[in-house]
Amino acid sequence: IIFNIFELYDKFPFRLKQIKPVAQKADAVIVPEYNRAHILKVWLGLKRTPVVIPNKPFIIQNDINPETLEIVNNLKSKNKKIILYQGWLAADRDITVIADALNILNDDDYLLVLMGKETKPGVIDIIKGKYRNVEVIPFLNPPQHLFVTETAYIGIATYDDSCLNNIFCAPNKIYEYALKRIPILARDIPGLRNTVGLKNTGVCVDTDNTDRIIEGIKVIEEQHSFFAESAFKFQEECNILEKYRSLIESLSN
């Protein structure tokens, strides 16, 4: 049995209780982040530390469909530097302060693009009220969304610190941004500092502070090519198939 645990579930202790006996019986437990491995070893009473395999998606890019092509052409027609947030628009992924920062910058060169489902009602209206250049993209079935991703100039990755699952986050979007050579503006939390920050795929800042956000955008502007190439190298070096192959071989011996 190979048991893959994608979340920490510290906000859902009943889930931890449910998965504990399964994890203890598994031949190997996989988690997507280093700190999560050690936390779950303790919480689940495991004899061995879980194997860390990053949350990098397997991507097979198909042809662009007419709906997506229309969206992409519309974005390109704006002739602006796109700052993209892709993912749920949720309470624990607040980007309203980023909208505030862009409003302070007062730079017409930027377009804030939101791509994903609104799970916190009204958040899109709040963002639009804070920054005038906002475009909302409906949910696109993966991997169609990656055609929108590649139009971006900067990608956003942010989670609040309301739970350990967020603090030690392991988002697949950082690999999607990196695949398309998109530098990342990330929140300064361990899960992102140890990936985005450590591998120079972008900058980690306090995304609750407009001054720090503005500084981060300016740093990316100054070193955009460096961050873009570092990002691509970061995802290229992560060979998911090899990691799974190595794990399976170790269990076979």
C-alpha atoms as a PDB file:
ATOM      1  CA  ILE A   1       0.000   0.000   0.000  1.00  0.00           C
ATOM      2  CA  ILE A   2       1.277   3.442  -0.969  1.00  0.00           C
ATOM      3  CA  PHE A   3      -0.716   6.165   0.787  1.00  0.00           C
ATOM      4  CA  ASN A   4      -0.478   9.706  -0.610  1.00  0.00           C
ATOM      5  CA  ILE A   5      -1.558  12.470   1.799  1.00  0.00           C
ATOM      6  CA  PHE A   6      -1.903  15.852   0.098  1.00  0.00           C
ATOM      7  CA  GLU A   7      -3.108  17.887   3.104  1.00  0.00           C
ATOM      8  CA  LEU A   8      -2.165  18.288   6.775  1.00  0.00           C
ATOM      9  CA  TYR A   9      -5.788  18.421   7.958  1.00  0.00           C
ATOM     10  CA  ASP A  10      -4.914  20.355  11.121  1.00  0.00           C
ATOM     11  CA  LYS A  11      -8.281  22.134  10.785  1.00  0.00           C
ATOM     12  CA  PHE A  12     -10.007  18.767  10.361  1.00  0.00           C
ATOM     13  CA  PRO A  13      -8.854  16.473  13.205  1.00  0.00           C
ATOM     14  CA  PHE A  14     -11.580  13.948  12.388  1.00  0.00           C
ATOM     15  CA  ARG A  15      -9.860  13.413   9.019  1.00  0.00           C
ATOM     16  CA  LEU A  16      -6.569  12.716  10.766  1.00  0.00           C
ATOM     17  CA  LYS A  17      -8.345  10.193  12.963  1.00  0.00           C
ATOM     18  CA  GLN A  18      -9.801   8.514   9.867  1.00  0.00           C
ATOM     19  CA  ILE A  19      -6.518   8.252   7.960  1.00  0.00           C
ATOM     20  CA  LYS A  20      -4.300   7.281  10.916  1.00  0.00           C
ATOM     21  CA  PRO A  21      -4.926   3.501  10.785  1.00  0.00           C
ATOM     22  CA  VAL A  22      -4.540   3.473   6.989  1.00  0.00           C
ATOM     23  CA  ALA A  23      -1.244   5.367   7.180  1.00  0.00           C
ATOM     24  CA  GLN A  24       0.088   3.035   9.858  1.00  0.00           C
ATOM     25  CA  LYS A  25      -0.627  -0.011   7.692  1.00  0.00           C
ATOM     26  CA  ALA A  26       0.850   1.506   4.511  1.00  0.00           C
ATOM     27  CA  ASP A  27       4.177   0.325   3.132  1.00  0.00           C
ATOM     28  CA  ALA A  28       4.972   3.956   2.301  1.00  0.00           C
ATOM     29  CA  VAL A  29       3.346   7.308   3.019  1.00  0.00           C
ATOM     30  CA  ILE A  30       3.894  10.169   0.576  1.00  0.00           C
ATOM     31  CA  VAL A  31       3.517  13.867   1.375  1.00  0.00           C
ATOM     32  CA  PRO A  32       4.310  16.913  -0.808  1.00  0.00           C
ATOM     33  CA  GLU A  33       6.424  18.973   1.617  1.00  0.00           C
ATOM     34  CA  TYR A  34       9.374  18.344   3.963  1.00  0.00           C
ATOM     35  CA  ASN A  35       7.924  19.827   7.151  1.00  0.00           C
ATOM     36  CA  ARG A  36       4.628  18.023   6.620  1.00  0.00           C
ATOM     37  CA  ALA A  37       6.522  14.731   6.542  1.00  0.00           C
ATOM     38  CA  HIS A  38       7.853  15.221  10.052  1.00  0.00           C
ATOM     39  CA  ILE A  39       4.628  16.655  11.441  1.00  0.00           C
ATOM     40  CA  LEU A  40       2.554  13.761  10.116  1.00  0.00           C
ATOM     41  CA  LYS A  41       5.056  11.215  11.384  1.00  0.00           C
ATOM     42  CA  VAL A  42       4.284  12.444  14.901  1.00  0.00           C
ATOM     43  CA  TRP A  43       0.551  13.030  14.465  1.00  0.00           C
ATOM     44  CA  LEU A  44      -0.081   9.656  12.806  1.00  0.00           C
ATOM     45  CA  GLY A  45       2.338   7.677  14.969  1.00  0.00           C
ATOM     46  CA  LEU A  46       4.350   6.415  12.017  1.00  0.00           C
ATOM     47  CA  LYS A  47       7.490   4.306  12.345  1.00  0.00           C
ATOM     48  CA  ARG A  48       9.068   5.875   9.253  1.00  0.00           C
ATOM     49  CA  THR A  49       9.138   9.468   8.079  1.00  0.00           C
ATOM     50  CA  PRO A  50       6.897   9.901   5.011  1.00  0.00           C
ATOM     51  CA  VAL A  51       8.555  10.222   1.618  1.00  0.00           C
ATOM     52  CA  VAL A  52       8.505  13.742   0.178  1.00  0.00           C
ATOM     53  CA  ILE A  53       7.394  13.982  -3.448  1.00  0.00           C
ATOM     54  CA  PRO A  54       6.541  17.557  -4.464  1.00  0.00           C
ATOM     55  CA  ASN A  55       3.084  18.491  -5.686  1.00  0.00           C
ATOM     56  CA  LYS A  56       4.211  18.946  -9.264  1.00  0.00           C
ATOM     57  CA  PRO A  57       1.404  18.101 -11.700  1.00  0.00           C
ATOM     58  CA  PHE A  58       1.802  15.798 -14.674  1.00  0.00           C
ATOM     59  CA  ILE A  59       1.073  18.100 -17.590  1.00  0.00           C
ATOM     60  CA  ILE A  60       0.146  16.974 -21.084  1.00  0.00           C
ATOM     61  CA  GLN A  61      -0.696  20.141 -23.002  1.00  0.00           C
ATOM     62  CA  ASN A  62      -3.511  19.648 -25.498  1.00  0.00           C
ATOM     63  CA  ASP A  63      -4.616  22.055 -28.224  1.00  0.00           C
ATOM     64  CA  ILE A  64      -6.221  25.333 -27.241  1.00  0.00           C
ATOM     65  CA  ASN A  65      -9.993  25.287 -27.594  1.00  0.00           C
ATOM     66  CA  PRO A  66     -12.032  28.198 -29.055  1.00  0.00           C
ATOM     67  CA  GLU A  67     -13.261  29.433 -25.649  1.00  0.00           C
ATOM     68  CA  THR A  68      -9.749  29.600 -24.220  1.00  0.00           C
ATOM     69  CA  LEU A  69      -8.357  31.161 -27.408  1.00  0.00           C
ATOM     70  CA  GLU A  70     -10.903  33.970 -27.152  1.00  0.00           C
ATOM     71  CA  ILE A  71      -9.887  34.606 -23.527  1.00  0.00           C
ATOM     72  CA  VAL A  72      -6.179  34.615 -24.371  1.00  0.00           C
ATOM     73  CA  ASN A  73      -6.622  36.940 -27.349  1.00  0.00           C
ATOM     74  CA  ASN A  74      -8.662  39.315 -25.199  1.00  0.00           C
ATOM     75  CA  LEU A  75      -5.917  39.428 -22.558  1.00  0.00           C
ATOM     76  CA  LYS A  76      -3.210  40.011 -25.156  1.00  0.00           C
ATOM     77  CA  SER A  77      -5.241  42.825 -26.696  1.00  0.00           C
ATOM     78  CA  LYS A  78      -5.013  44.729 -23.392  1.00  0.00           C
ATOM     79  CA  ASN A  79      -1.278  45.135 -24.023  1.00  0.00           C
ATOM     80  CA  LYS A  80      -0.486  45.146 -20.304  1.00  0.00           C
ATOM     81  CA  LYS A  81       1.771  43.238 -17.921  1.00  0.00           C
ATOM     82  CA  ILE A  82      -0.492  40.612 -16.423  1.00  0.00           C
ATOM     83  CA  ILE A  83      -0.257  39.870 -12.712  1.00  0.00           C
ATOM     84  CA  LEU A  84      -2.064  36.565 -12.441  1.00  0.00           C
ATOM     85  CA  TYR A  85      -3.734  34.864  -9.521  1.00  0.00           C
ATOM     86  CA  GLN A  86      -4.952  31.366 -10.370  1.00  0.00           C
ATOM     87  CA  GLY A  87      -6.785  29.268  -7.824  1.00  0.00           C
ATOM     88  CA  TRP A  88      -9.689  29.554  -5.437  1.00  0.00           C
ATOM     89  CA  LEU A  89     -10.673  33.072  -4.430  1.00  0.00           C
ATOM     90  CA  ALA A  90     -11.079  32.116  -0.802  1.00  0.00           C
ATOM     91  CA  ALA A  91     -10.893  33.705   2.646  1.00  0.00           C
ATOM     92  CA  ASP A  92      -7.459  32.218   3.371  1.00  0.00           C
ATOM     93  CA  ARG A  93      -6.019  33.382   0.038  1.00  0.00           C
ATOM     94  CA  ASP A  94      -6.614  37.103   0.357  1.00  0.00           C
ATOM     95  CA  ILE A  95      -5.292  39.175  -2.537  1.00  0.00           C
ATOM     96  CA  THR A  96      -7.185  42.369  -1.729  1.00  0.00           C
ATOM     97  CA  VAL A  97      -3.990  43.884  -0.289  1.00  0.00           C
ATOM     98  CA  ILE A  98      -2.223  43.143  -3.578  1.00  0.00           C
ATOM     99  CA  ALA A  99      -4.994  45.101  -5.311  1.00  0.00           C
ATOM    100  CA  ASP A 100      -4.363  47.932  -2.818  1.00  0.00           C
ATOM    101  CA  ALA A 101      -0.645  47.849  -3.659  1.00  0.00           C
ATOM    102  CA  LEU A 102      -1.305  48.030  -7.400  1.00  0.00           C
ATOM    103  CA  ASN A 103      -3.614  50.982  -6.818  1.00  0.00           C
ATOM    104  CA  ILE A 104      -0.834  52.767  -4.908  1.00  0.00           C
ATOM    105  CA  LEU A 105       1.592  51.991  -7.726  1.00  0.00           C
ATOM    106  CA  ASN A 106      -0.919  53.682 -10.040  1.00  0.00           C
ATOM    107  CA  ASP A 107       0.811  52.097 -13.027  1.00  0.00           C
ATOM    108  CA  ASP A 108      -1.449  51.568 -16.039  1.00  0.00           C
ATOM    109  CA  ASP A 109       0.980  48.984 -17.366  1.00  0.00           C
ATOM    110  CA  TYR A 110      -0.447  46.274 -15.062  1.00  0.00           C
ATOM    111  CA  LEU A 111      -3.564  44.142 -15.393  1.00  0.00           C
ATOM    112  CA  LEU A 112      -4.632  42.021 -12.415  1.00  0.00           C
ATOM    113  CA  VAL A 113      -6.151  38.791 -13.713  1.00  0.00           C
ATOM    114  CA  LEU A 114      -8.136  36.479 -11.428  1.00  0.00           C
ATOM    115  CA  MET A 115      -8.614  32.944 -12.718  1.00  0.00           C
ATOM    116  CA  GLY A 116     -10.586  30.501 -10.605  1.00  0.00           C
ATOM    117  CA  LYS A 117     -13.720  29.909  -8.585  1.00  0.00           C
ATOM    118  CA  GLU A 118     -14.979  32.480  -6.076  1.00  0.00           C
ATOM    119  CA  THR A 119     -15.540  30.562  -2.826  1.00  0.00           C
ATOM    120  CA  LYS A 120     -15.826  33.682  -0.679  1.00  0.00           C
ATOM    121  CA  PRO A 121     -18.851  35.600  -2.017  1.00  0.00           C
ATOM    122  CA  GLY A 122     -18.155  39.230  -2.854  1.00  0.00           C
ATOM    123  CA  VAL A 123     -14.351  39.024  -2.921  1.00  0.00           C
ATOM    124  CA  ILE A 124     -14.181  39.822  -6.646  1.00  0.00           C
ATOM    125  CA  ASP A 125     -16.268  42.977  -6.158  1.00  0.00           C
ATOM    126  CA  ILE A 126     -13.991  44.024  -3.293  1.00  0.00           C
ATOM    127  CA  ILE A 127     -10.905  43.611  -5.472  1.00  0.00           C
ATOM    128  CA  LYS A 128     -12.493  45.497  -8.352  1.00  0.00           C
ATOM    129  CA  GLY A 129     -13.300  48.300  -5.939  1.00  0.00           C
ATOM    130  CA  LYS A 130      -9.658  48.566  -4.910  1.00  0.00           C
ATOM    131  CA  TYR A 131      -8.012  48.398  -8.344  1.00  0.00           C
ATOM    132  CA  ARG A 132      -9.497  49.460 -11.653  1.00  0.00           C
ATOM    133  CA  ASN A 133      -7.570  47.167 -14.023  1.00  0.00           C
ATOM    134  CA  VAL A 134      -9.033  43.776 -13.109  1.00  0.00           C
ATOM    135  CA  GLU A 135     -10.025  40.941 -15.436  1.00  0.00           C
ATOM    136  CA  VAL A 136     -11.892  37.864 -14.162  1.00  0.00           C
ATOM    137  CA  ILE A 137     -11.459  34.557 -15.995  1.00  0.00           C
ATOM    138  CA  PRO A 138     -13.937  31.746 -15.351  1.00  0.00           C
ATOM    139  CA  PHE A 139     -12.750  28.303 -14.310  1.00  0.00           C
ATOM    140  CA  LEU A 140     -11.122  26.477 -17.223  1.00  0.00           C
ATOM    141  CA  ASN A 141     -10.761  22.720 -17.297  1.00  0.00           C
ATOM    142  CA  PRO A 142      -7.070  21.821 -16.868  1.00  0.00           C
ATOM    143  CA  PRO A 143      -4.810  21.979 -18.732  1.00  0.00           C
ATOM    144  CA  GLN A 144      -6.632  24.654 -20.761  1.00  0.00           C
ATOM    145  CA  HIS A 145      -5.913  27.141 -17.958  1.00  0.00           C
ATOM    146  CA  LEU A 146      -2.200  26.950 -18.751  1.00  0.00           C
ATOM    147  CA  PHE A 147      -2.749  28.885 -21.973  1.00  0.00           C
ATOM    148  CA  VAL A 148      -3.867  31.755 -19.740  1.00  0.00           C
ATOM    149  CA  THR A 149      -0.960  31.146 -17.357  1.00  0.00           C
ATOM    150  CA  GLU A 150       1.580  31.682 -20.116  1.00  0.00           C
ATOM    151  CA  THR A 151       0.243  35.202 -20.771  1.00  0.00           C
ATOM    152  CA  ALA A 152       1.289  36.299 -17.276  1.00  0.00           C
ATOM    153  CA  TYR A 153       4.195  38.532 -16.355  1.00  0.00           C
ATOM    154  CA  ILE A 154       4.041  37.751 -12.621  1.00  0.00           C
ATOM    155  CA  GLY A 155       2.197  34.936 -10.850  1.00  0.00           C
ATOM    156  CA  ILE A 156       0.770  35.229  -7.328  1.00  0.00           C
ATOM    157  CA  ALA A 157       0.947  32.527  -4.634  1.00  0.00           C
ATOM    158  CA  THR A 158      -0.419  33.502  -1.236  1.00  0.00           C
ATOM    159  CA  TYR A 159      -2.045  31.796   1.753  1.00  0.00           C
ATOM    160  CA  ASP A 160      -2.688  33.206   5.213  1.00  0.00           C
ATOM    161  CA  ASP A 161      -1.146  31.782   8.388  1.00  0.00           C
ATOM    162  CA  SER A 162      -4.391  30.537   9.921  1.00  0.00           C
ATOM    163  CA  CYS A 163      -3.298  26.887   9.913  1.00  0.00           C
ATOM    164  CA  LEU A 164      -0.232  24.702   9.505  1.00  0.00           C
ATOM    165  CA  ASN A 165      -1.602  23.384   6.216  1.00  0.00           C
ATOM    166  CA  ASN A 166      -1.232  26.902   4.817  1.00  0.00           C
ATOM    167  CA  ILE A 167       2.077  27.718   6.490  1.00  0.00           C
ATOM    168  CA  PHE A 168       3.665  24.552   5.109  1.00  0.00           C
ATOM    169  CA  CYS A 169       1.804  24.816   1.803  1.00  0.00           C
ATOM    170  CA  ALA A 170       2.668  22.797  -1.275  1.00  0.00           C
ATOM    171  CA  PRO A 171       0.789  24.417  -4.164  1.00  0.00           C
ATOM    172  CA  ASN A 172       0.971  22.941  -7.637  1.00  0.00           C
ATOM    173  CA  LYS A 173       0.524  26.424  -9.127  1.00  0.00           C
ATOM    174  CA  ILE A 174       4.160  27.314  -8.421  1.00  0.00           C
ATOM    175  CA  TYR A 175       5.207  24.529 -10.804  1.00  0.00           C
ATOM    176  CA  GLU A 176       2.701  25.705 -13.394  1.00  0.00           C
ATOM    177  CA  TYR A 177       4.005  29.273 -13.196  1.00  0.00           C
ATOM    178  CA  ALA A 178       7.574  27.956 -13.341  1.00  0.00           C
ATOM    179  CA  LEU A 179       6.850  25.777 -16.389  1.00  0.00           C
ATOM    180  CA  LYS A 180       5.770  28.911 -18.252  1.00  0.00           C
ATOM    181  CA  ARG A 181       8.756  30.938 -16.950  1.00  0.00           C
ATOM    182  CA  ILE A 182       6.547  33.203 -14.819  1.00  0.00           C
ATOM    183  CA  PRO A 183       8.306  34.790 -11.799  1.00  0.00           C
ATOM    184  CA  ILE A 184       6.296  34.435  -8.589  1.00  0.00           C
ATOM    185  CA  LEU A 185       5.243  36.997  -6.010  1.00  0.00           C
ATOM    186  CA  ALA A 186       4.738  34.794  -2.954  1.00  0.00           C
ATOM    187  CA  ARG A 187       3.779  35.200   0.669  1.00  0.00           C
ATOM    188  CA  ASP A 188       6.699  34.812   3.076  1.00  0.00           C
ATOM    189  CA  ILE A 189       5.736  31.538   4.736  1.00  0.00           C
ATOM    190  CA  PRO A 190       7.882  28.388   5.111  1.00  0.00           C
ATOM    191  CA  GLY A 191       6.215  26.380   2.341  1.00  0.00           C
ATOM    192  CA  LEU A 192       6.906  29.140  -0.193  1.00  0.00           C
ATOM    193  CA  ARG A 193      10.209  30.399   1.199  1.00  0.00           C
ATOM    194  CA  ASN A 194      11.647  26.876   0.876  1.00  0.00           C
ATOM    195  CA  THR A 195      10.603  26.664  -2.779  1.00  0.00           C
ATOM    196  CA  VAL A 196      10.031  30.075  -4.384  1.00  0.00           C
ATOM    197  CA  GLY A 197      12.556  31.848  -2.160  1.00  0.00           C
ATOM    198  CA  LEU A 198      15.201  29.130  -1.974  1.00  0.00           C
ATOM    199  CA  LYS A 199      15.179  28.431  -5.715  1.00  0.00           C
ATOM    200  CA  ASN A 200      14.939  32.088  -6.819  1.00  0.00           C
ATOM    201  CA  THR A 201      11.742  31.501  -8.758  1.00  0.00           C
ATOM    202  CA  GLY A 202      10.490  34.850  -7.468  1.00  0.00           C
ATOM    203  CA  VAL A 203      10.354  36.801  -4.215  1.00  0.00           C
ATOM    204  CA  CYS A 204       8.673  36.142  -0.872  1.00  0.00           C
ATOM    205  CA  VAL A 205       7.136  39.156   0.846  1.00  0.00           C
ATOM    206  CA  ASP A 206       4.594  40.036   3.508  1.00  0.00           C
ATOM    207  CA  THR A 207       1.461  40.053   1.360  1.00  0.00           C
ATOM    208  CA  ASP A 208      -0.422  41.856   4.144  1.00  0.00           C
ATOM    209  CA  ASN A 209       1.819  44.901   3.655  1.00  0.00           C
ATOM    210  CA  THR A 210       1.397  47.118   0.595  1.00  0.00           C
ATOM    211  CA  ASP A 211       4.929  48.551   0.836  1.00  0.00           C
ATOM    212  CA  ARG A 212       6.485  45.083   0.830  1.00  0.00           C
ATOM    213  CA  ILE A 213       4.304  44.021  -2.114  1.00  0.00           C
ATOM    214  CA  ILE A 214       5.362  47.071  -4.118  1.00  0.00           C
ATOM    215  CA  GLU A 215       9.019  46.388  -3.293  1.00  0.00           C
ATOM    216  CA  GLY A 216       8.585  42.769  -4.399  1.00  0.00           C
ATOM    217  CA  ILE A 217       7.051  43.778  -7.722  1.00  0.00           C
ATOM    218  CA  LYS A 218       9.909  46.197  -8.344  1.00  0.00           C
ATOM    219  CA  VAL A 219      12.522  43.525  -7.558  1.00  0.00           C
ATOM    220  CA  ILE A 220      10.880  41.155 -10.039  1.00  0.00           C
ATOM    221  CA  GLU A 221      10.746  43.936 -12.626  1.00  0.00           C
ATOM    222  CA  GLU A 222      14.488  44.555 -12.222  1.00  0.00           C
ATOM    223  CA  GLN A 223      15.445  40.859 -12.440  1.00  0.00           C
ATOM    224  CA  HIS A 224      12.592  39.380 -14.444  1.00  0.00           C
ATOM    225  CA  SER A 225      14.750  37.280 -16.777  1.00  0.00           C
ATOM    226  CA  PHE A 226      16.768  35.861 -13.872  1.00  0.00           C
ATOM    227  CA  PHE A 227      13.660  34.782 -11.961  1.00  0.00           C
ATOM    228  CA  ALA A 228      12.014  33.425 -15.113  1.00  0.00           C
ATOM    229  CA  GLU A 229      14.946  31.170 -15.981  1.00  0.00           C
ATOM    230  CA  SER A 230      15.448  30.107 -12.353  1.00  0.00           C
ATOM    231  CA  ALA A 231      11.770  29.158 -12.213  1.00  0.00           C
ATOM    232  CA  PHE A 232      11.974  27.017 -15.330  1.00  0.00           C
ATOM    233  CA  LYS A 233      15.123  25.292 -14.027  1.00  0.00           C
ATOM    234  CA  PHE A 234      13.400  24.638 -10.676  1.00  0.00           C
ATOM    235  CA  GLN A 235      10.537  22.686 -12.233  1.00  0.00           C
ATOM    236  CA  GLU A 236      12.775  20.917 -14.748  1.00  0.00           C
ATOM    237  CA  GLU A 237      14.961  19.567 -11.934  1.00  0.00           C
ATOM    238  CA  CYS A 238      11.945  18.031 -10.195  1.00  0.00           C
ATOM    239  CA  ASN A 239      11.479  14.652 -11.874  1.00  0.00           C
ATOM    240  CA  ILE A 240       8.272  13.250 -10.381  1.00  0.00           C
ATOM    241  CA  LEU A 241       8.328  10.040 -12.414  1.00  0.00           C
ATOM    242  CA  GLU A 242      11.837   9.244 -11.216  1.00  0.00           C
ATOM    243  CA  LYS A 243      10.864   9.859  -7.600  1.00  0.00           C
ATOM    244  CA  TYR A 244       7.917   7.463  -7.838  1.00  0.00           C
ATOM    245  CA  ARG A 245      10.020   4.910  -9.711  1.00  0.00           C
ATOM    246  CA  SER A 246      12.694   5.063  -7.015  1.00  0.00           C
ATOM    247  CA  LEU A 247      10.107   4.608  -4.276  1.00  0.00           C
ATOM    248  CA  ILE A 248       8.492   1.609  -5.968  1.00  0.00           C
ATOM    249  CA  GLU A 249      11.882  -0.024  -6.542  1.00  0.00           C
ATOM    250  CA  SER A 250      12.813   0.456  -2.881  1.00  0.00           C
ATOM    251  CA  LEU A 251       9.597  -1.280  -1.831  1.00  0.00           C
ATOM    252  CA  SER A 252      10.248  -4.153  -4.221  1.00  0.00           C
ATOM    253  CA  ASN A 253      13.654  -4.945  -2.728  1.00  0.00           C
END
